[in-house]
């Protein structure tokens, strides 16, 4: 006798298990997470191998993973639409109650395709594209792309252009870290920190807007120098920032550093050892929080960083508190660098005077047909770059930001690849979260400071 559907849409005469068996299985392919005891050894190698440093060809046995098997475990999604994942980041978690056994980050929901776009734009148009990757520190994206193009061109910049780039990027580092202070405070329940962080960041963005015309995505740093000289009165604006923010940082210290509730949320949470951080290729505040004093500004100097004094801030435990402390004190060091830049800023050209790379001054376009033609050709056809390949790396607020360019001798990159620190640093999350609880996951994700525009570039 066959089964029939009743008025409620249920199948009569079937047990609950039989009803579930009728539901067709769905699969998300390689990005799907299975319970640990159902996960094959190849996938476990991918999840745990990078930290364990396994030789090639060695499989991981599920029984070797130091996780207790519980009677009832479940897999949940955090994100991609979640207020504390800092963008469209999806985390698949295997839980035993509230305890996180395993975590699998799934990325790609933003999928901007900026690297492929960059291969269809001229070198002069390139900064407009890359500036939108890490939208909290856009000037660093423009800087690394421009430095890579200049390396291929063999250009030597005027001294003033180099110091202007340092000034603008260090101010941008301050604004990025202030944004992190604000959002991290909100993630952990401090509404006041959210308000204060945005208040101080606004001072920096106001100056960036005055100098570049935009608060974000500036297209200010370009191959050959910068788009425009610093505005009149820039010294007073920068000095106002230098006089105001240090006192506000002391207030943050008082508000958070010794606050018992804040410390309970971040002390010994999301611990990452130096060995794990190095194995996972983490850079920036995450690596320095483990005690590894690696900063490209000091260890592989670029621009004029070898002419300024600053300290590399390191932690000792590698937990969420250390990552907070490193960023807070890095703002102080950036302000220290900025004060030295103001003193050392030379006069001169803000961009190289090479007609093959640099457009004519705006005032000349109204006076000379040749200047008008030159301007038109530079902005429509760009300039050709000699054949070759190069990799340039700088220290962004999130770590090592690298640009790999290949030129085939045309006016567009043959290949462009960006080493986004946010993308690489996301590898640390499964290690940080393992054995913690869901509330700790929020603190750990925030402490990584990911920008998904850079991850899904």
Protein backbone atom coordinates (compact mmCIF):
# COMPACT_ATOMS: atom_id res chain seq x y z
CA UNK A 1 0.00 0.00 0.00
CA UNK A 2 1.52 3.36 -1.03
CA UNK A 3 2.06 6.36 1.23
CA UNK A 4 -0.26 9.31 0.78
CA UNK A 5 0.10 13.00 1.55
CA UNK A 6 -2.26 14.37 4.20
CA UNK A 7 -3.77 17.88 4.33
CA UNK A 8 -0.78 19.37 6.16
CA UNK A 9 1.64 18.28 3.46
CA UNK A 10 3.21 15.56 5.63
CA UNK A 11 3.70 11.99 4.48
CA UNK A 12 1.53 9.61 6.54
CA UNK A 13 3.01 6.50 8.01
CA UNK A 14 6.68 7.61 7.96
CA UNK A 15 8.94 8.07 10.93
CA UNK A 16 10.85 11.33 11.39
CA UNK A 17 14.08 9.69 10.18
CA UNK A 18 12.35 8.42 7.03
CA UNK A 19 10.94 11.86 6.31
CA UNK A 20 14.41 13.42 6.53
CA UNK A 21 15.71 10.72 4.19
CA UNK A 22 13.30 11.99 1.52
CA UNK A 23 14.89 15.45 1.54
CA UNK A 24 17.40 15.67 -1.34
CA UNK A 25 21.01 16.20 -0.26
CA UNK A 26 22.69 19.48 -1.11
CA UNK A 27 26.42 20.06 -1.30
CA UNK A 28 28.57 23.17 -1.51
CA UNK A 29 31.49 21.21 -2.88
CA UNK A 30 35.02 21.73 -1.52
CA UNK A 31 34.01 24.61 0.75
CA UNK A 32 31.52 22.47 2.69
CA UNK A 33 32.49 21.35 6.19
CA UNK A 34 31.68 17.88 7.52
CA UNK A 35 31.83 16.69 11.09
CA UNK A 36 35.36 15.74 12.11
CA UNK A 37 34.77 11.99 12.13
CA UNK A 38 33.38 12.21 8.57
CA UNK A 39 36.16 14.44 7.17
CA UNK A 40 38.71 12.78 4.92
CA UNK A 41 42.43 12.95 5.62
CA UNK A 42 43.22 15.22 2.67
CA UNK A 43 40.91 17.96 3.95
CA UNK A 44 42.28 17.60 7.47
CA UNK A 45 45.77 18.05 6.04
CA UNK A 46 44.66 21.34 4.51
CA UNK A 47 43.09 22.48 7.79
CA UNK A 48 45.86 21.45 10.17
CA UNK A 49 48.89 20.85 7.99
CA UNK A 50 50.08 24.42 7.63
CA UNK A 51 50.53 24.75 11.37
CA UNK A 52 51.80 21.21 11.93
CA UNK A 53 54.36 21.59 9.11
CA UNK A 54 53.61 18.14 7.72
CA UNK A 55 55.87 16.66 5.04
CA UNK A 56 54.27 16.19 1.64
CA UNK A 57 52.42 12.93 1.17
CA UNK A 58 51.66 12.49 4.89
CA UNK A 59 47.95 12.22 5.68
CA UNK A 60 46.30 13.25 8.92
CA UNK A 61 44.32 10.61 10.76
CA UNK A 62 41.16 12.05 12.39
CA UNK A 63 42.09 10.13 15.52
CA UNK A 64 45.37 12.07 15.79
CA UNK A 65 43.64 15.42 16.10
CA UNK A 66 43.49 16.47 19.73
CA UNK A 67 39.73 17.06 19.93
CA UNK A 68 37.39 15.09 22.10
CA UNK A 69 34.57 13.43 20.19
CA UNK A 70 31.23 14.44 21.65
CA UNK A 71 27.92 12.67 21.28
CA UNK A 72 26.21 15.70 19.79
CA UNK A 73 28.12 18.13 17.62
CA UNK A 74 26.82 20.59 15.08
CA UNK A 75 28.08 22.73 12.23
CA UNK A 76 26.90 26.34 12.03
CA UNK A 77 27.60 29.34 9.81
CA UNK A 78 28.79 32.67 11.16
CA UNK A 79 28.32 35.08 8.26
CA UNK A 80 28.61 36.00 5.48
CA UNK A 81 25.95 38.47 6.65
CA UNK A 82 27.01 39.11 10.23
CA UNK A 83 27.75 42.42 11.98
CA UNK A 84 30.98 41.16 13.56
CA UNK A 85 32.65 39.44 10.60
CA UNK A 86 33.82 42.84 9.26
CA UNK A 87 32.40 42.28 5.80
CA UNK A 88 31.17 39.32 3.81
CA UNK A 89 33.31 36.76 5.62
CA UNK A 90 31.76 33.35 6.24
CA UNK A 91 33.04 31.04 8.97
CA UNK A 92 31.85 27.44 9.14
CA UNK A 93 32.23 26.16 12.69
CA UNK A 94 32.01 22.72 14.21
CA UNK A 95 30.72 23.18 17.76
CA UNK A 96 30.38 21.09 20.86
CA UNK A 97 27.85 23.22 22.70
CA UNK A 98 29.47 26.65 22.69
CA UNK A 99 33.01 25.32 22.31
CA UNK A 100 34.56 25.71 18.86
CA UNK A 101 36.21 22.50 17.68
CA UNK A 102 37.09 23.54 14.12
CA UNK A 103 36.68 26.61 11.94
CA UNK A 104 36.77 26.96 8.18
CA UNK A 105 36.87 30.45 6.66
CA UNK A 106 35.03 30.70 3.33
CA UNK A 107 35.79 33.76 1.20
CA UNK A 108 34.86 34.98 -2.26
CA UNK A 109 31.45 36.56 -1.70
CA UNK A 110 32.66 40.05 -2.66
CA UNK A 111 34.61 38.88 -5.72
CA UNK A 112 35.69 42.21 -7.19
CA UNK A 113 38.28 40.86 -9.63
CA UNK A 114 40.55 43.89 -9.26
CA UNK A 115 43.72 42.09 -10.31
CA UNK A 116 42.23 41.11 -13.67
CA UNK A 117 40.76 44.60 -14.01
CA UNK A 118 44.24 46.02 -13.39
CA UNK A 119 45.54 44.12 -16.41
CA UNK A 120 43.09 46.03 -18.61
CA UNK A 121 43.99 49.49 -17.30
CA UNK A 122 47.03 51.62 -18.09
CA UNK A 123 49.69 52.13 -15.43
CA UNK A 124 48.36 55.64 -14.87
CA UNK A 125 44.84 54.29 -14.32
CA UNK A 126 46.10 51.53 -12.02
CA UNK A 127 46.02 53.48 -8.72
CA UNK A 128 42.32 54.27 -9.25
CA UNK A 129 41.67 50.53 -9.27
CA UNK A 130 43.93 49.28 -6.47
CA UNK A 131 42.99 52.06 -4.05
CA UNK A 132 39.60 50.35 -3.60
CA UNK A 133 41.01 47.05 -2.33
CA UNK A 134 41.85 47.86 1.27
CA UNK A 135 39.46 50.79 1.52
CA UNK A 136 40.54 51.61 5.09
CA UNK A 137 44.15 52.20 3.99
CA UNK A 138 43.81 53.11 0.30
CA UNK A 139 47.02 55.15 0.10
CA UNK A 140 49.09 52.03 0.82
CA UNK A 141 47.54 50.25 -2.16
CA UNK A 142 48.39 53.19 -4.40
CA UNK A 143 51.91 53.34 -2.98
CA UNK A 144 52.83 49.69 -3.55
CA UNK A 145 51.46 49.71 -7.12
CA UNK A 146 53.26 52.96 -7.95
CA UNK A 147 56.53 51.73 -6.47
CA UNK A 148 56.32 48.53 -8.53
CA UNK A 149 55.69 50.51 -11.74
CA UNK A 150 58.54 52.89 -10.90
CA UNK A 151 60.88 49.94 -10.31
CA UNK A 152 60.14 48.68 -13.82
CA UNK A 153 60.57 52.18 -15.26
CA UNK A 154 63.79 52.76 -13.33
CA UNK A 155 62.58 56.11 -11.97
CA UNK A 156 64.15 58.02 -9.10
CA UNK A 157 61.64 60.30 -7.41
CA UNK A 158 62.23 63.86 -6.17
CA UNK A 159 62.92 63.95 -2.44
CA UNK A 160 59.79 65.94 -1.63
CA UNK A 161 57.56 63.39 -3.36
CA UNK A 162 59.05 60.62 -1.21
CA UNK A 163 58.50 62.53 2.04
CA UNK A 164 54.93 63.45 1.02
CA UNK A 165 54.21 59.75 0.43
CA UNK A 166 55.55 58.92 3.90
CA UNK A 167 53.46 61.66 5.51
CA UNK A 168 50.24 60.59 3.83
CA UNK A 169 50.66 56.86 4.45
CA UNK A 170 51.55 57.31 8.12
CA UNK A 171 48.47 59.49 8.58
CA UNK A 172 46.50 56.76 6.80
CA UNK A 173 47.99 54.17 9.18
CA UNK A 174 46.68 56.25 12.08
CA UNK A 175 43.19 56.51 10.56
CA UNK A 176 43.11 52.77 9.86
CA UNK A 177 44.14 51.81 13.39
CA UNK A 178 41.68 54.34 14.84
CA UNK A 179 38.94 52.71 12.79
CA UNK A 180 40.01 49.35 14.21
CA UNK A 181 39.96 50.74 17.77
CA UNK A 182 36.41 51.93 17.15
CA UNK A 183 35.04 48.72 15.62
CA UNK A 184 36.91 46.47 18.05
CA UNK A 185 35.40 48.45 20.91
CA UNK A 186 31.93 48.00 19.43
CA UNK A 187 32.49 44.26 18.89
CA UNK A 188 33.38 43.88 22.57
CA UNK A 189 30.55 46.05 23.84
CA UNK A 190 32.19 49.47 24.23
CA UNK A 191 29.93 51.95 22.45
CA UNK A 192 32.03 54.83 23.79
CA UNK A 193 35.14 53.55 22.01
CA UNK A 194 33.19 53.43 18.76
CA UNK A 195 32.29 57.10 19.09
CA UNK A 196 35.76 58.22 20.19
CA UNK A 197 37.57 56.25 17.48
CA UNK A 198 35.45 57.77 14.72
CA UNK A 199 35.90 61.24 16.25
CA UNK A 200 39.71 61.10 16.05
CA UNK A 201 39.68 59.38 12.66
CA UNK A 202 37.59 62.25 11.34
CA UNK A 203 40.46 64.68 12.02
CA UNK A 204 42.80 62.62 9.84
CA UNK A 205 40.24 62.11 7.06
CA UNK A 206 39.53 65.84 6.99
CA UNK A 207 43.19 66.51 6.23
CA UNK A 208 43.37 63.72 3.64
CA UNK A 209 40.34 65.23 1.93
CA UNK A 210 41.95 68.65 1.96
CA UNK A 211 45.13 67.29 0.36
CA UNK A 212 43.66 64.81 -2.12
CA UNK A 213 40.05 65.92 -2.65
CA UNK A 214 38.59 62.69 -1.22
CA UNK A 215 38.19 61.06 2.17
CA UNK A 216 38.86 57.58 0.79
CA UNK A 217 40.01 55.98 -2.50
CA UNK A 218 42.16 58.99 -3.25
CA UNK A 219 44.12 58.16 -6.43
CA UNK A 220 46.71 60.54 -4.96
CA UNK A 221 49.91 58.49 -5.08
CA UNK A 222 50.70 57.78 -8.74
CA UNK A 223 53.69 56.46 -10.70
CA UNK A 224 56.19 59.31 -10.73
CA UNK A 225 55.15 60.99 -7.48
CA UNK A 226 51.85 62.33 -6.17
CA UNK A 227 48.90 64.00 -7.91
CA UNK A 228 49.28 67.41 -6.25
CA UNK A 229 51.47 69.23 -3.77
CA UNK A 230 50.41 69.56 -0.15
CA UNK A 231 47.85 72.37 0.39
CA UNK A 232 48.73 75.71 1.90
CA UNK A 233 48.79 75.55 5.68
CA UNK A 234 49.32 71.79 5.76
CA UNK A 235 51.86 72.12 8.59
CA UNK A 236 49.24 73.70 10.88
CA UNK A 237 46.71 70.97 10.07
CA UNK A 238 49.21 68.19 10.77
CA UNK A 239 50.42 69.85 13.98
CA UNK A 240 46.82 70.06 15.16
CA UNK A 241 46.53 66.28 14.68
CA UNK A 242 49.85 65.73 16.50
CA UNK A 243 48.70 67.86 19.43
CA UNK A 244 45.22 66.34 19.77
CA UNK A 245 45.45 62.59 19.20
CA UNK A 246 48.16 61.62 21.79
CA UNK A 247 45.97 62.88 24.63
CA UNK A 248 42.99 60.99 23.23
CA UNK A 249 45.09 57.80 23.05
CA UNK A 250 45.78 58.21 26.77
CA UNK A 251 42.01 58.34 27.27
CA UNK A 252 41.62 55.08 25.33
CA UNK A 253 44.27 53.57 27.60
CA UNK A 254 42.30 54.60 30.65
CA UNK A 255 38.98 53.52 29.13
CA UNK A 256 40.02 50.04 27.98
CA UNK A 257 43.48 48.85 29.01
CA UNK A 258 42.77 48.50 32.71
CA UNK A 259 39.04 47.88 32.39
CA UNK A 260 38.22 44.50 34.02
CA UNK A 261 35.38 43.54 31.62
CA UNK A 262 37.48 44.41 28.56
CA UNK A 263 40.45 42.45 29.91
CA UNK A 264 38.32 39.38 30.56
CA UNK A 265 37.19 39.48 26.93
CA UNK A 266 40.71 39.71 25.46
CA UNK A 267 43.25 38.22 27.89
CA UNK A 268 44.40 34.74 26.78
CA UNK A 269 41.77 34.75 24.01
CA UNK A 270 42.73 33.81 20.45
CA UNK A 271 46.30 32.93 21.36
CA UNK A 272 48.73 32.47 18.48
CA UNK A 273 52.35 31.45 19.10
CA UNK A 274 55.28 32.88 17.16
CA UNK A 275 55.86 29.49 15.51
CA UNK A 276 52.23 29.25 14.39
CA UNK A 277 52.21 32.84 13.11
CA UNK A 278 55.35 32.23 11.04
CA UNK A 279 54.03 28.90 9.74
CA UNK A 280 50.82 30.61 8.62
CA UNK A 281 52.70 33.54 6.99
CA UNK A 282 51.02 36.10 9.26
CA UNK A 283 52.47 39.60 9.17
CA UNK A 284 51.78 42.99 10.72
CA UNK A 285 50.32 43.42 14.22
CA UNK A 286 49.33 39.72 14.33
CA UNK A 287 52.93 38.58 13.91
CA UNK A 288 54.37 41.30 16.14
CA UNK A 289 51.89 40.46 18.91
CA UNK A 290 53.60 37.06 19.21
CA UNK A 291 56.95 38.71 19.95
CA UNK A 292 58.46 38.66 16.45
CA UNK A 293 59.83 42.16 15.76
CA UNK A 294 59.34 42.19 11.98
CA UNK A 295 58.43 45.48 10.33
CA UNK A 296 59.32 46.16 6.69
CA UNK A 297 59.82 49.85 7.41
CA UNK A 298 62.81 48.95 9.59
CA UNK A 299 63.93 45.53 8.31
CA UNK A 300 63.60 46.21 4.55
CA UNK A 301 63.50 50.03 4.43
CA UNK A 302 61.74 51.78 1.55
CA UNK A 303 61.01 55.46 0.89
CA UNK A 304 63.04 57.33 3.57
CA UNK A 305 62.17 55.21 6.60
CA UNK A 306 65.86 54.69 7.32
CA UNK A 307 66.06 58.44 8.06
CA UNK A 308 63.44 58.51 10.85
CA UNK A 309 63.44 57.01 14.33
CA UNK A 310 60.66 54.77 15.58
CA UNK A 311 60.22 51.61 17.63
CA UNK A 312 58.76 48.31 16.44
CA UNK A 313 56.02 47.42 18.93
CA UNK A 314 55.82 43.74 19.95
CA UNK A 315 53.72 41.66 22.32
CA UNK A 316 54.56 38.56 24.30
CA UNK A 317 51.48 36.29 24.53
CA UNK A 318 49.97 36.68 21.06
CA UNK A 319 46.40 37.04 22.33
CA UNK A 320 43.69 39.59 21.53
CA UNK A 321 45.00 41.96 24.19
CA UNK A 322 48.48 41.98 22.66
CA UNK A 323 47.03 42.75 19.25
CA UNK A 324 45.07 45.63 20.79
CA UNK A 325 48.18 46.96 22.57
CA UNK A 326 50.34 46.72 19.46
CA UNK A 327 47.90 48.75 17.37
CA UNK A 328 47.31 51.35 20.08
CA UNK A 329 51.05 51.95 20.44
CA UNK A 330 51.66 51.84 16.69
CA UNK A 331 49.45 54.93 16.41
CA UNK A 332 51.83 56.65 18.84
CA UNK A 333 54.85 55.58 16.79
CA UNK A 334 53.22 56.79 13.56
CA UNK A 335 52.61 60.19 15.16
CA UNK A 336 56.28 60.19 16.18
CA UNK A 337 57.29 59.51 12.57
CA UNK A 338 54.90 62.22 11.28
CA UNK A 339 56.44 64.84 13.57
CA UNK A 340 59.89 64.01 12.14
CA UNK A 341 58.53 64.19 8.57
CA UNK A 342 57.15 67.69 9.21
CA UNK A 343 60.64 68.80 10.31
CA UNK A 344 62.44 67.10 7.42
CA UNK A 345 60.02 67.96 4.59
CA UNK A 346 62.12 69.48 1.79
CA UNK A 347 61.04 71.88 -0.93
CA UNK A 348 61.07 70.95 -4.59
CA UNK A 349 58.99 68.97 -7.05
CA UNK A 350 56.16 66.72 -5.88
CA UNK A 351 56.48 64.53 -8.99
CA UNK A 352 59.18 63.58 -11.45
CA UNK A 353 59.67 65.94 -14.40
CA UNK A 354 59.72 63.28 -17.09
CA UNK A 355 57.37 64.03 -19.98
CA UNK A 356 57.01 60.32 -20.80
CA UNK A 357 55.40 59.68 -17.40
CA UNK A 358 54.20 63.01 -16.06
CA UNK A 359 51.36 65.11 -17.53
CA UNK A 360 52.06 68.82 -18.05
CA UNK A 361 51.05 71.40 -15.42
CA UNK A 362 47.36 72.26 -15.62
CA UNK A 363 48.05 75.93 -16.38
CA UNK A 364 50.11 74.98 -19.49
CA UNK A 365 47.12 73.23 -21.09
CA UNK A 366 45.39 76.60 -21.60
CA UNK A 367 48.50 78.11 -23.19
CA UNK A 368 50.03 75.44 -25.40
CA UNK A 369 48.58 73.06 -28.01
CA UNK A 370 51.58 70.75 -27.48
CA UNK A 371 50.82 70.60 -23.75
CA UNK A 372 47.17 69.81 -24.51
CA UNK A 373 48.16 66.97 -26.86
CA UNK A 374 50.67 65.68 -24.31
CA UNK A 375 48.02 65.73 -21.57
CA UNK A 376 45.49 63.97 -23.82
CA UNK A 377 47.91 61.18 -24.81
CA UNK A 378 49.11 60.56 -21.24
CA UNK A 379 45.58 60.12 -19.91
CA UNK A 380 44.14 58.18 -22.86
CA UNK A 381 47.07 55.99 -23.91
CA UNK A 382 49.25 56.05 -20.80
CA UNK A 383 52.97 55.33 -21.05
CA UNK A 384 54.86 52.19 -22.00
CA UNK A 385 56.85 50.29 -19.39
CA UNK A 386 59.95 48.21 -20.29
CA UNK A 387 59.59 44.43 -20.23
CA UNK A 388 60.31 42.75 -16.92
CA UNK A 389 58.82 41.60 -13.65
CA UNK A 390 59.07 42.95 -10.13
CA UNK A 391 57.76 42.36 -6.61
CA UNK A 392 57.59 45.25 -4.16
CA UNK A 393 56.42 44.97 -0.55
CA UNK A 394 55.52 47.62 2.02
CA UNK A 395 54.23 47.59 5.61
CA UNK A 396 50.50 48.33 5.56
CA UNK A 397 48.41 48.61 8.77
CA UNK A 398 47.53 44.91 8.33
CA UNK A 399 50.96 43.56 7.40
CA UNK A 400 53.02 42.91 4.28
CA UNK A 401 51.26 44.36 1.27
CA UNK A 402 52.99 43.23 -1.91
CA UNK A 403 52.54 43.97 -5.60
CA UNK A 404 53.83 41.66 -8.32
CA UNK A 405 53.87 43.21 -11.78
CA UNK A 406 54.85 41.71 -15.12
CA UNK A 407 55.33 44.04 -18.08
CA UNK A 408 55.36 42.96 -21.71
CA UNK A 409 56.52 46.38 -22.86
CA UNK A 410 53.03 47.79 -23.42
CA UNK A 411 51.10 50.49 -21.57
CA UNK A 412 49.23 47.93 -19.40
CA UNK A 413 50.50 45.30 -16.94
CA UNK A 414 50.64 41.82 -18.50
CA UNK A 415 50.05 40.38 -15.01
CA UNK A 416 49.24 42.00 -11.69
CA UNK A 417 48.97 40.17 -8.39
CA UNK A 418 48.54 41.69 -4.95
CA UNK A 419 49.67 39.96 -1.78
CA UNK A 420 46.88 41.14 0.48
CA UNK A 421 47.76 40.77 4.19
CA UNK A 422 44.09 40.42 5.16
CA UNK A 423 43.77 37.35 2.93
CA UNK A 424 46.87 35.68 4.36
CA UNK A 425 46.10 36.63 7.95
CA UNK A 426 42.68 34.95 7.76
CA UNK A 427 44.56 31.63 7.85
CA UNK A 428 45.26 32.27 11.52
CA UNK A 429 41.59 32.20 12.53
CA UNK A 430 41.13 28.38 12.79
CA UNK A 431 44.19 28.19 15.03
CA UNK A 432 43.07 31.14 17.17
CA UNK A 433 39.50 29.92 17.61
CA UNK A 434 40.12 26.24 18.32
CA UNK A 435 39.01 25.37 21.84
CA UNK A 436 37.44 28.77 22.50
CA UNK A 437 33.78 29.70 22.73
CA UNK A 438 31.59 31.56 20.26
CA UNK A 439 31.88 34.85 22.17
CA UNK A 440 35.68 34.58 21.84
CA UNK A 441 35.28 34.20 18.07
CA UNK A 442 33.96 37.77 17.83
CA UNK A 443 37.00 39.12 19.70
CA UNK A 444 39.42 37.03 17.61
CA UNK A 445 37.92 38.00 14.23
CA UNK A 446 38.06 41.65 15.21
CA UNK A 447 41.69 41.32 16.36
CA UNK A 448 42.70 40.06 12.90
CA UNK A 449 41.33 43.33 11.40
CA UNK A 450 40.38 41.85 8.02
CA UNK A 451 39.22 44.03 5.15
CA UNK A 452 37.22 41.89 2.77
CA UNK A 453 37.81 44.16 -0.21
CA UNK A 454 41.46 43.13 0.02
CA UNK A 455 40.63 39.45 0.61
CA UNK A 456 38.32 39.16 -2.41
CA UNK A 457 40.33 41.48 -4.63
